[in-house]
Amino acid sequence: MTVTAATSSLAVTSSADASATKKTGSDEAQDRFLKLLVAQLNNQDPMNPMDNAQMTTQIAQINTVTGIQQLNDTMKAMAAQATATQMLGAGNLVGRNVLTEGNQIAIDGTTGVGAIELDGKATDVKIQVMTPGGQIVDTVSLGALDAGQHGFSLDAAKYPAGTALQFKVVATNGTAAVEATSLMRDKVVAVGSDSNGLTLTLLSAGVKPYTDVHAIL
């Protein structure tokens, strides 16, 4: 009987402790305010007590602070739920190909593929195929292209076997250079997240923020 009562008492105490640890930030702020208000009332000048307007103002202030804290708690919960939902959806990307910034040529059989993104219209666009050491092994003309994203394919059968080839874009509009971004095709092997949000682990490029992905193929 005594052991049972002690065990029951311990369980109740543990439950109370657990409940106490679940207080939100707004609850803690409200508790601190109430303690300060009681201390202020206990130590006020009896000849010059706090009037109703002052008390109402202070209560309104704590209600505002509590409301903001509750809003912050709600937004944090929504952000966590959104991240979990995004992670669940991103799981479908595993095994898919994406385009991300990079200059490595992806080899598909005897075909080399990649993509570019032009900031403006170009009258002449060339792809320079290079070895990792920077030696140019081929130059392919894509002709005139409008601004935007464009894919390209190359005959990789004539290139050195077993070499991780890279490419460089040279784009001009007349005599003026056109800014271009090199995009490489890569495969998603895993998804994850960090303090900045969703991340993708790519076969060649490693871990990249999801925001770095320019297209899903």
C-alpha atoms as a PDB file:
ATOM      1  CA  MET A   1       0.000   0.000   0.000  1.00  0.00           C
ATOM      2  CA  THR A   2       2.755   2.477   0.980  1.00  0.00           C
ATOM      3  CA  VAL A   3       4.833   1.699  -2.112  1.00  0.00           C
ATOM      4  CA  THR A   4       1.799   2.155  -4.332  1.00  0.00           C
ATOM      5  CA  ALA A   5       0.996   5.551  -2.792  1.00  0.00           C
ATOM      6  CA  ALA A   6       4.588   6.709  -3.173  1.00  0.00           C
ATOM      7  CA  THR A   7       4.668   5.536  -6.776  1.00  0.00           C
ATOM      8  CA  SER A   8       1.405   7.306  -7.502  1.00  0.00           C
ATOM      9  CA  SER A   9       2.683  10.488  -5.864  1.00  0.00           C
ATOM     10  CA  LEU A  10       5.881  10.283  -7.905  1.00  0.00           C
ATOM     11  CA  ALA A  11       3.885   9.835 -11.093  1.00  0.00           C
ATOM     12  CA  VAL A  12       1.762  12.887 -10.334  1.00  0.00           C
ATOM     13  CA  THR A  13       4.852  14.948  -9.553  1.00  0.00           C
ATOM     14  CA  SER A  14       6.565  13.816 -12.751  1.00  0.00           C
ATOM     15  CA  SER A  15       3.447  14.661 -14.746  1.00  0.00           C
ATOM     16  CA  ALA A  16       3.322  18.126 -13.199  1.00  0.00           C
ATOM     17  CA  ASP A  17       7.000  18.684 -13.960  1.00  0.00           C
ATOM     18  CA  ALA A  18       6.469  17.585 -17.554  1.00  0.00           C
ATOM     19  CA  SER A  19       3.543  19.975 -17.923  1.00  0.00           C
ATOM     20  CA  ALA A  20       5.625  22.803 -16.470  1.00  0.00           C
ATOM     21  CA  THR A  21       8.332  22.282 -19.067  1.00  0.00           C
ATOM     22  CA  LYS A  22       5.791  22.614 -21.877  1.00  0.00           C
ATOM     23  CA  LYS A  23       5.140  26.319 -21.223  1.00  0.00           C
ATOM     24  CA  THR A  24       5.393  28.407 -24.332  1.00  0.00           C
ATOM     25  CA  GLY A  25       7.356  31.610 -24.596  1.00  0.00           C
ATOM     26  CA  SER A  26       4.134  33.638 -24.305  1.00  0.00           C
ATOM     27  CA  ASP A  27       3.185  31.814 -21.066  1.00  0.00           C
ATOM     28  CA  GLU A  28       6.590  32.566 -19.575  1.00  0.00           C
ATOM     29  CA  ALA A  29       6.347  36.230 -20.576  1.00  0.00           C
ATOM     30  CA  GLN A  30       2.915  36.482 -18.988  1.00  0.00           C
ATOM     31  CA  ASP A  31       4.158  34.845 -15.750  1.00  0.00           C
ATOM     32  CA  ARG A  32       7.059  37.292 -15.534  1.00  0.00           C
ATOM     33  CA  PHE A  33       4.716  40.232 -16.076  1.00  0.00           C
ATOM     34  CA  LEU A  34       2.279  39.092 -13.378  1.00  0.00           C
ATOM     35  CA  LYS A  35       5.131  38.664 -10.865  1.00  0.00           C
ATOM     36  CA  LEU A  36       6.454  42.136 -11.655  1.00  0.00           C
ATOM     37  CA  LEU A  37       2.956  43.635 -11.422  1.00  0.00           C
ATOM     38  CA  VAL A  38       2.339  42.022  -8.010  1.00  0.00           C
ATOM     39  CA  ALA A  39       5.741  43.227  -6.774  1.00  0.00           C
ATOM     40  CA  GLN A  40       4.963  46.713  -8.049  1.00  0.00           C
ATOM     41  CA  LEU A  41       1.582  46.750  -6.278  1.00  0.00           C
ATOM     42  CA  ASN A  42       3.141  45.494  -3.029  1.00  0.00           C
ATOM     43  CA  ASN A  43       5.814  48.173  -3.081  1.00  0.00           C
ATOM     44  CA  GLN A  44       3.837  51.137  -4.365  1.00  0.00           C
ATOM     45  CA  ASP A  45       3.447  54.324  -2.358  1.00  0.00           C
ATOM     46  CA  PRO A  46       0.175  54.025  -0.367  1.00  0.00           C
ATOM     47  CA  MET A  47      -0.247  57.788  -0.650  1.00  0.00           C
ATOM     48  CA  ASN A  48       0.173  57.690  -4.421  1.00  0.00           C
ATOM     49  CA  PRO A  49      -1.113  54.321  -5.658  1.00  0.00           C
ATOM     50  CA  MET A  50      -1.216  53.246  -9.269  1.00  0.00           C
ATOM     51  CA  ASP A  51      -4.422  54.481 -10.886  1.00  0.00           C
ATOM     52  CA  ASN A  52      -6.703  52.378 -13.064  1.00  0.00           C
ATOM     53  CA  ALA A  53      -5.428  53.973 -16.263  1.00  0.00           C
ATOM     54  CA  GLN A  54      -1.828  52.989 -15.493  1.00  0.00           C
ATOM     55  CA  MET A  55      -2.817  49.418 -14.682  1.00  0.00           C
ATOM     56  CA  THR A  56      -4.938  49.169 -17.830  1.00  0.00           C
ATOM     57  CA  THR A  57      -2.023  50.449 -19.909  1.00  0.00           C
ATOM     58  CA  GLN A  58       0.353  47.863 -18.448  1.00  0.00           C
ATOM     59  CA  ILE A  59      -2.147  45.026 -18.980  1.00  0.00           C
ATOM     60  CA  ALA A  60      -2.642  46.176 -22.577  1.00  0.00           C
ATOM     61  CA  GLN A  61       1.136  46.143 -23.075  1.00  0.00           C
ATOM     62  CA  ILE A  62       1.532  42.592 -21.785  1.00  0.00           C
ATOM     63  CA  ASN A  63      -1.389  41.471 -23.948  1.00  0.00           C
ATOM     64  CA  THR A  64       0.379  42.966 -26.977  1.00  0.00           C
ATOM     65  CA  VAL A  65       3.682  41.265 -26.095  1.00  0.00           C
ATOM     66  CA  THR A  66       1.899  37.976 -25.417  1.00  0.00           C
ATOM     67  CA  GLY A  67       0.048  38.221 -28.728  1.00  0.00           C
ATOM     68  CA  ILE A  68       3.290  38.823 -30.627  1.00  0.00           C
ATOM     69  CA  GLN A  69       4.965  35.882 -28.881  1.00  0.00           C
ATOM     70  CA  GLN A  70       2.007  33.628 -29.672  1.00  0.00           C
ATOM     71  CA  LEU A  71       2.187  34.757 -33.303  1.00  0.00           C
ATOM     72  CA  ASN A  72       5.908  33.930 -33.378  1.00  0.00           C
ATOM     73  CA  ASP A  73       5.230  30.471 -31.901  1.00  0.00           C
ATOM     74  CA  THR A  74       2.518  29.872 -34.498  1.00  0.00           C
ATOM     75  CA  MET A  75       4.774  30.988 -37.370  1.00  0.00           C
ATOM     76  CA  LYS A  76       7.581  28.712 -36.151  1.00  0.00           C
ATOM     77  CA  ALA A  77       5.172  25.766 -36.055  1.00  0.00           C
ATOM     78  CA  MET A  78       3.906  26.593 -39.553  1.00  0.00           C
ATOM     79  CA  ALA A  79       7.470  26.901 -40.874  1.00  0.00           C
ATOM     80  CA  ALA A  80       8.379  23.495 -39.409  1.00  0.00           C
ATOM     81  CA  GLN A  81       5.274  21.950 -40.969  1.00  0.00           C
ATOM     82  CA  ALA A  82       6.031  23.579 -44.330  1.00  0.00           C
ATOM     83  CA  THR A  83       9.599  22.224 -44.235  1.00  0.00           C
ATOM     84  CA  ALA A  84       8.320  18.722 -43.473  1.00  0.00           C
ATOM     85  CA  THR A  85       5.814  18.943 -46.334  1.00  0.00           C
ATOM     86  CA  GLN A  86       8.504  20.221 -48.699  1.00  0.00           C
ATOM     87  CA  MET A  87      10.820  17.387 -47.679  1.00  0.00           C
ATOM     88  CA  LEU A  88       8.083  14.860 -48.379  1.00  0.00           C
ATOM     89  CA  GLY A  89       7.452  16.306 -51.831  1.00  0.00           C
ATOM     90  CA  ALA A  90      11.165  16.618 -52.611  1.00  0.00           C
ATOM     91  CA  GLY A  91      11.574  12.894 -52.005  1.00  0.00           C
ATOM     92  CA  ASN A  92      10.037  12.407 -55.452  1.00  0.00           C
ATOM     93  CA  LEU A  93      13.091  14.114 -56.967  1.00  0.00           C
ATOM     94  CA  VAL A  94      15.443  11.295 -55.981  1.00  0.00           C
ATOM     95  CA  GLY A  95      16.599   9.642 -59.186  1.00  0.00           C
ATOM     96  CA  ARG A  96      15.539  12.606 -61.337  1.00  0.00           C
ATOM     97  CA  ASN A  97      17.879  14.832 -63.344  1.00  0.00           C
ATOM     98  CA  VAL A  98      18.090  18.565 -62.688  1.00  0.00           C
ATOM     99  CA  LEU A  99      19.932  21.532 -64.121  1.00  0.00           C
ATOM    100  CA  THR A 100      22.131  23.455 -61.710  1.00  0.00           C
ATOM    101  CA  GLU A 101      24.992  25.902 -62.138  1.00  0.00           C
ATOM    102  CA  GLY A 102      28.163  24.161 -63.227  1.00  0.00           C
ATOM    103  CA  ASN A 103      30.316  23.566 -66.296  1.00  0.00           C
ATOM    104  CA  GLN A 104      30.689  19.784 -66.360  1.00  0.00           C
ATOM    105  CA  ILE A 105      29.425  17.987 -69.463  1.00  0.00           C
ATOM    106  CA  ALA A 106      27.167  15.030 -68.676  1.00  0.00           C
ATOM    107  CA  ILE A 107      27.853  12.027 -70.906  1.00  0.00           C
ATOM    108  CA  ASP A 108      24.868   9.960 -72.034  1.00  0.00           C
ATOM    109  CA  GLY A 109      26.272   7.125 -74.126  1.00  0.00           C
ATOM    110  CA  THR A 110      28.155   8.889 -76.906  1.00  0.00           C
ATOM    111  CA  THR A 111      26.375  12.199 -76.405  1.00  0.00           C
ATOM    112  CA  GLY A 112      27.497  15.037 -74.186  1.00  0.00           C
ATOM    113  CA  VAL A 113      24.770  17.311 -72.826  1.00  0.00           C
ATOM    114  CA  GLY A 114      24.530  20.584 -70.948  1.00  0.00           C
ATOM    115  CA  ALA A 115      22.630  23.857 -70.967  1.00  0.00           C
ATOM    116  CA  ILE A 116      23.145  27.593 -70.894  1.00  0.00           C
ATOM    117  CA  GLU A 117      21.133  30.588 -69.732  1.00  0.00           C
ATOM    118  CA  LEU A 118      21.563  33.842 -71.634  1.00  0.00           C
ATOM    119  CA  ASP A 119      20.839  37.211 -70.023  1.00  0.00           C
ATOM    120  CA  GLY A 120      20.049  38.730 -73.425  1.00  0.00           C
ATOM    121  CA  LYS A 121      19.696  37.971 -77.119  1.00  0.00           C
ATOM    122  CA  ALA A 122      22.913  36.754 -78.777  1.00  0.00           C
ATOM    123  CA  THR A 123      23.751  36.735 -82.478  1.00  0.00           C
ATOM    124  CA  ASP A 124      26.482  34.159 -81.967  1.00  0.00           C
ATOM    125  CA  VAL A 125      26.855  31.516 -79.244  1.00  0.00           C
ATOM    126  CA  LYS A 126      29.746  29.077 -79.063  1.00  0.00           C
ATOM    127  CA  ILE A 127      30.439  26.177 -76.699  1.00  0.00           C
ATOM    128  CA  GLN A 128      34.107  25.517 -75.963  1.00  0.00           C
ATOM    129  CA  VAL A 129      34.737  21.938 -74.792  1.00  0.00           C
ATOM    130  CA  MET A 130      37.736  21.713 -72.446  1.00  0.00           C
ATOM    131  CA  THR A 131      39.704  19.240 -70.380  1.00  0.00           C
ATOM    132  CA  PRO A 132      39.896  19.818 -66.584  1.00  0.00           C
ATOM    133  CA  GLY A 133      43.273  21.478 -67.244  1.00  0.00           C
ATOM    134  CA  GLY A 134      41.674  24.079 -69.525  1.00  0.00           C
ATOM    135  CA  GLN A 135      42.799  22.687 -72.893  1.00  0.00           C
ATOM    136  CA  ILE A 136      40.191  23.342 -75.597  1.00  0.00           C
ATOM    137  CA  VAL A 137      39.418  20.124 -77.491  1.00  0.00           C
ATOM    138  CA  ASP A 138      36.427  21.330 -79.514  1.00  0.00           C
ATOM    139  CA  THR A 139      34.359  24.427 -80.317  1.00  0.00           C
ATOM    140  CA  VAL A 140      30.708  24.045 -81.316  1.00  0.00           C
ATOM    141  CA  SER A 141      28.592  26.899 -82.687  1.00  0.00           C
ATOM    142  CA  LEU A 142      24.960  27.137 -81.568  1.00  0.00           C
ATOM    143  CA  GLY A 143      24.264  30.138 -83.814  1.00  0.00           C
ATOM    144  CA  ALA A 144      21.937  32.939 -82.753  1.00  0.00           C
ATOM    145  CA  LEU A 145      19.809  32.435 -79.634  1.00  0.00           C
ATOM    146  CA  ASP A 146      17.254  34.486 -77.727  1.00  0.00           C
ATOM    147  CA  ALA A 147      17.559  35.300 -74.041  1.00  0.00           C
ATOM    148  CA  GLY A 148      16.659  32.447 -71.709  1.00  0.00           C
ATOM    149  CA  GLN A 149      17.573  28.820 -71.139  1.00  0.00           C
ATOM    150  CA  HIS A 150      18.840  26.571 -73.945  1.00  0.00           C
ATOM    151  CA  GLY A 151      20.030  22.966 -73.911  1.00  0.00           C
ATOM    152  CA  PHE A 152      22.698  21.542 -76.175  1.00  0.00           C
ATOM    153  CA  SER A 153      24.082  18.135 -77.148  1.00  0.00           C
ATOM    154  CA  LEU A 154      27.521  17.229 -78.457  1.00  0.00           C
ATOM    155  CA  ASP A 155      29.078  14.221 -80.173  1.00  0.00           C
ATOM    156  CA  ALA A 156      31.177  12.905 -77.299  1.00  0.00           C
ATOM    157  CA  ALA A 157      32.500   9.904 -79.287  1.00  0.00           C
ATOM    158  CA  LYS A 158      35.339  12.056 -80.664  1.00  0.00           C
ATOM    159  CA  TYR A 159      36.437  13.330 -77.261  1.00  0.00           C
ATOM    160  CA  PRO A 160      39.095  11.713 -75.006  1.00  0.00           C
ATOM    161  CA  ALA A 161      37.574   8.693 -73.242  1.00  0.00           C
ATOM    162  CA  GLY A 162      37.422   8.689 -69.443  1.00  0.00           C
ATOM    163  CA  THR A 163      37.957  12.441 -69.175  1.00  0.00           C
ATOM    164  CA  ALA A 164      35.597  14.649 -67.163  1.00  0.00           C
ATOM    165  CA  LEU A 165      35.048  17.281 -69.835  1.00  0.00           C
ATOM    166  CA  GLN A 166      33.965  20.824 -69.070  1.00  0.00           C
ATOM    167  CA  PHE A 167      32.556  23.608 -71.206  1.00  0.00           C
ATOM    168  CA  LYS A 168      32.617  27.375 -71.487  1.00  0.00           C
ATOM    169  CA  VAL A 169      30.028  29.620 -73.126  1.00  0.00           C
ATOM    170  CA  VAL A 170      31.110  32.472 -75.383  1.00  0.00           C
ATOM    171  CA  ALA A 171      28.117  34.591 -76.401  1.00  0.00           C
ATOM    172  CA  THR A 172      28.083  37.898 -78.275  1.00  0.00           C
ATOM    173  CA  ASN A 173      25.525  40.250 -79.745  1.00  0.00           C
ATOM    174  CA  GLY A 174      27.414  41.905 -82.541  1.00  0.00           C
ATOM    175  CA  THR A 175      30.600  43.077 -80.887  1.00  0.00           C
ATOM    176  CA  ALA A 176      29.162  43.170 -77.369  1.00  0.00           C
ATOM    177  CA  ALA A 177      29.526  40.247 -74.979  1.00  0.00           C
ATOM    178  CA  VAL A 178      26.349  38.664 -73.582  1.00  0.00           C
ATOM    179  CA  GLU A 179      26.338  37.364 -70.024  1.00  0.00           C
ATOM    180  CA  ALA A 180      25.726  33.611 -69.910  1.00  0.00           C
ATOM    181  CA  THR A 181      25.406  31.054 -67.113  1.00  0.00           C
ATOM    182  CA  SER A 182      26.679  27.501 -67.594  1.00  0.00           C
ATOM    183  CA  LEU A 183      24.263  24.805 -66.432  1.00  0.00           C
ATOM    184  CA  MET A 184      25.115  21.146 -65.917  1.00  0.00           C
ATOM    185  CA  ARG A 185      22.808  18.150 -65.831  1.00  0.00           C
ATOM    186  CA  ASP A 186      23.079  16.191 -62.592  1.00  0.00           C
ATOM    187  CA  LYS A 187      21.159  13.426 -60.831  1.00  0.00           C
ATOM    188  CA  VAL A 188      19.489  13.814 -57.423  1.00  0.00           C
ATOM    189  CA  VAL A 189      20.608  11.026 -55.068  1.00  0.00           C
ATOM    190  CA  ALA A 190      19.189  12.346 -51.762  1.00  0.00           C
ATOM    191  CA  VAL A 191      17.265  15.241 -50.224  1.00  0.00           C
ATOM    192  CA  GLY A 192      17.803  16.966 -46.894  1.00  0.00           C
ATOM    193  CA  SER A 193      17.657  20.327 -45.176  1.00  0.00           C
ATOM    194  CA  ASP A 194      19.836  22.784 -43.306  1.00  0.00           C
ATOM    195  CA  SER A 195      19.340  26.128 -41.594  1.00  0.00           C
ATOM    196  CA  ASN A 196      18.652  27.758 -44.961  1.00  0.00           C
ATOM    197  CA  GLY A 197      16.028  25.273 -46.133  1.00  0.00           C
ATOM    198  CA  LEU A 198      15.767  22.301 -48.486  1.00  0.00           C
ATOM    199  CA  THR A 199      18.939  20.809 -49.976  1.00  0.00           C
ATOM    200  CA  LEU A 200      19.616  18.287 -52.731  1.00  0.00           C
ATOM    201  CA  THR A 201      22.567  15.904 -52.826  1.00  0.00           C
ATOM    202  CA  LEU A 202      23.649  15.605 -56.467  1.00  0.00           C
ATOM    203  CA  LEU A 203      25.721  12.814 -57.955  1.00  0.00           C
ATOM    204  CA  SER A 204      28.474  15.078 -59.303  1.00  0.00           C
ATOM    205  CA  ALA A 205      28.044  18.465 -57.628  1.00  0.00           C
ATOM    206  CA  GLY A 206      27.389  17.257 -54.063  1.00  0.00           C
ATOM    207  CA  VAL A 207      25.035  19.114 -51.715  1.00  0.00           C
ATOM    208  CA  LYS A 208      23.281  22.119 -53.252  1.00  0.00           C
ATOM    209  CA  PRO A 209      20.471  24.387 -51.998  1.00  0.00           C
ATOM    210  CA  TYR A 210      17.180  23.587 -53.714  1.00  0.00           C
ATOM    211  CA  THR A 211      17.039  27.222 -54.825  1.00  0.00           C
ATOM    212  CA  ASP A 212      20.124  26.601 -57.026  1.00  0.00           C
ATOM    213  CA  VAL A 213      18.104  24.268 -59.262  1.00  0.00           C
ATOM    214  CA  HIS A 214      17.215  25.982 -62.570  1.00  0.00           C
ATOM    215  CA  ALA A 215      15.095  23.143 -64.006  1.00  0.00           C
ATOM    216  CA  ILE A 216      13.848  19.627 -63.229  1.00  0.00           C
ATOM    217  CA  LEU A 217      14.191  17.305 -66.208  1.00  0.00           C
END
